[in-house]
Amino acid sequence: MTEIVFLVEDDPDSGYTAKALTESIFTQADDIETLQEMVRDAVHCHFPNEENRACRILLK
């Protein structure tokens, strides 16, 4: 896998959510900067083996 794409949306309660389009990964945060960190962490947790992890993470 070379990249993983996340759909970023406004959370109606507050902040933002990010959902991967091809994997079962979801996270949320109060601001975009924190969301970026949370997405990276979620991808690392979902793919603990670096060889299987996406090289690029896209937020759309």
Protein backbone atom coordinates (compact mmCIF):
# COMPACT_ATOMS: atom_id res chain seq x y z
CA MET A 1 0.00 0.00 0.00
CA THR A 2 1.47 3.35 -0.96
CA GLU A 3 -1.17 5.73 0.35
CA ILE A 4 -4.27 5.90 2.50
CA VAL A 5 -6.94 8.56 2.03
CA PHE A 6 -9.07 10.01 4.83
CA LEU A 7 -12.30 11.95 4.39
CA VAL A 8 -12.27 14.91 6.80
CA GLU A 9 -15.59 16.40 7.91
CA ASP A 10 -16.78 18.94 10.46
CA ASP A 11 -18.11 17.24 13.58
CA PRO A 12 -21.58 18.64 14.40
CA ASP A 13 -20.72 18.66 18.12
CA SER A 14 -17.29 20.31 17.69
CA GLY A 15 -14.03 19.76 15.89
CA TYR A 16 -13.40 17.37 13.01
CA THR A 17 -13.62 13.69 12.13
CA ALA A 18 -11.47 11.65 9.74
CA LYS A 19 -12.48 8.32 8.22
CA ALA A 20 -10.25 6.20 6.00
CA LEU A 21 -11.86 5.38 2.67
CA THR A 22 -10.30 1.92 2.29
CA GLU A 23 -9.67 0.78 5.87
CA SER A 24 -11.63 0.63 9.14
CA ILE A 25 -9.89 3.63 10.68
CA PHE A 26 -11.73 6.56 12.29
CA THR A 27 -10.54 9.36 14.55
CA GLN A 28 -11.58 12.82 15.70
CA ALA A 29 -10.06 15.96 17.18
CA ASP A 30 -10.87 19.55 18.12
CA ASP A 31 -8.63 21.16 15.48
CA ILE A 32 -6.95 20.26 12.20
CA GLU A 33 -3.42 20.13 13.62
CA THR A 34 -4.45 17.65 16.30
CA LEU A 35 -6.48 15.69 13.77
CA GLN A 36 -3.36 15.23 11.62
CA GLU A 37 -1.51 13.82 14.64
CA MET A 38 -4.44 11.56 15.55
CA VAL A 39 -4.64 10.22 11.97
CA ARG A 40 -0.91 9.40 11.95
CA ASP A 41 -1.25 7.65 15.30
CA ALA A 42 -4.32 5.71 14.15
CA VAL A 43 -2.52 4.52 10.99
CA HIS A 44 0.49 3.42 13.06
CA CYS A 45 -1.80 1.49 15.43
CA HIS A 46 -3.75 -0.10 12.56
CA PHE A 47 -0.54 -1.09 10.74
CA PRO A 48 2.05 -1.86 13.46
CA ASN A 49 4.33 -3.48 10.88
CA GLU A 50 6.03 -0.62 9.02
CA GLU A 51 6.36 -2.74 5.87
CA ASN A 52 2.55 -2.87 5.54
CA ARG A 53 1.96 0.78 6.44
CA ALA A 54 1.09 3.40 3.82
CA CYS A 55 3.93 5.73 2.87
CA ARG A 56 1.58 8.67 2.32
CA ILE A 57 -1.52 9.80 4.24
CA LEU A 58 -3.92 12.15 2.47
CA LEU A 59 -6.61 14.17 4.20
CA LYS A 60 -9.46 15.30 1.90
